[in-house]
Protein backbone atom coordinates (compact mmCIF):
# COMPACT_ATOMS: atom_id res chain seq x y z
CA MET A 1 129.49 93.55 104.29
CA VAL A 2 128.39 90.81 101.53
CA ALA A 3 126.35 93.01 99.00
CA ASP A 4 123.46 90.47 99.32
CA ALA A 5 123.49 89.35 102.95
CA ARG A 6 120.90 89.76 105.19
CA PHE A 7 120.66 90.58 109.02
CA ASN A 8 118.27 89.42 111.49
CA ILE A 9 119.33 92.03 115.08
CA ASP A 10 118.20 92.37 117.84
CA ILE A 11 117.75 95.54 119.98
CA LYS A 12 119.25 94.19 123.27
CA ALA A 13 119.82 97.66 125.12
CA VAL A 14 117.36 101.20 124.42
CA GLY A 15 120.77 102.73 123.78
CA ALA A 16 121.25 100.94 120.74
CA ILE A 17 117.57 101.72 119.34
CA ARG A 18 118.95 105.23 117.91
CA LEU A 19 122.13 103.83 117.05
CA LEU A 20 120.88 100.88 114.68
CA ALA A 21 118.33 103.14 112.95
CA ASP A 22 120.82 105.64 112.73
CA PHE A 23 123.00 103.02 110.93
CA VAL A 24 121.16 101.32 108.79
CA ALA A 25 118.98 104.57 106.85
CA ALA A 26 123.13 105.77 106.41
CA ARG A 27 123.53 102.49 104.40
CA GLY A 28 120.50 102.25 102.55
CA VAL A 29 120.27 98.55 103.93
CA GLU A 30 116.05 98.82 104.97
CA ASP A 31 115.88 96.09 102.76
CA ARG A 32 117.94 93.84 104.39
CA VAL A 33 117.56 93.70 107.95
CA LEU A 34 114.67 92.17 110.10
CA VAL A 35 114.96 94.11 113.25
CA GLY A 36 113.40 92.18 116.41
CA SER A 37 113.78 92.47 120.62
CA PHE A 38 111.76 90.93 123.16
CA ILE A 39 111.03 94.88 125.02
CA PRO A 40 107.91 96.49 123.25
CA SER A 41 109.09 99.58 124.03
CA HIS A 42 112.32 98.95 121.96
CA LEU A 43 110.46 97.96 119.11
CA ARG A 44 108.04 100.81 119.03
CA ALA A 45 110.71 103.48 119.41
CA PHE A 46 112.65 101.78 116.39
CA ARG A 47 109.76 101.53 114.36
CA GLU A 48 108.93 105.24 114.82
CA LEU A 49 112.22 106.16 114.36
CA THR A 50 112.49 104.52 110.74
CA GLY A 51 108.97 105.07 110.03
CA GLY A 52 107.68 101.50 109.44
CA LEU A 53 110.89 101.16 106.54
CA VAL A 54 112.52 98.36 108.41
CA ALA A 55 111.25 94.82 108.57
CA THR A 56 110.35 94.35 112.58
CA GLY A 57 109.66 91.02 114.53
CA ALA A 58 106.99 90.73 116.80
CA HIS A 59 107.23 91.14 120.30
CA PRO A 60 106.33 88.66 122.67
CA ALA A 61 102.29 90.78 123.46
CA GLU A 62 102.53 90.27 119.05
CA VAL A 63 103.57 86.77 118.64
CA ALA A 64 100.89 85.88 121.29
CA ALA A 65 97.75 87.91 119.63
CA TYR A 66 98.41 85.50 116.77
CA ALA A 67 98.71 82.04 118.84
CA VAL A 68 95.68 83.03 120.16
CA GLY A 69 93.99 84.54 117.90
CA PRO A 70 90.82 82.81 116.20
CA ALA A 71 92.05 84.13 113.14
CA ALA A 72 95.28 85.86 111.54
CA ARG A 73 92.78 88.67 110.27
CA ILE A 74 92.04 89.71 114.13
CA ALA A 75 95.74 88.97 115.11
CA ASP A 76 96.48 91.77 112.18
CA ARG A 77 94.02 94.06 113.73
CA LEU A 78 95.43 93.54 116.73
CA THR A 79 98.85 93.96 116.20
CA ARG A 80 97.63 96.67 113.78
CA GLY A 81 99.76 95.09 110.94
CA ARG A 82 103.42 96.15 112.80
CA PRO A 83 105.17 92.84 112.68
CA ASP A 84 106.78 91.51 109.60
CA ALA A 85 108.02 88.58 111.20
CA LEU A 86 106.78 86.10 114.05
CA GLN A 87 110.26 85.22 116.38
CA VAL A 88 108.94 81.91 118.57
CA PRO A 89 111.49 80.47 121.04
């Protein structure tokens, strides 16, 4: 890996959640990845496994909270501040 490279990783399969969390932790690259998924349960599980040490994108319901919420502060409360990024197709 290039020493300063950053990666955006999308969890597609439930079986990849723990593997990815373990891979990131074993290599100490928590600050170099952003993990996303359109499946809320995948992101919840990943966030629990990594204890918030790895940046995550918002799943569709979290994106909707920001899109339709009257203010970012309210959206932040609705999403409990979990997403570090919004990925909007």
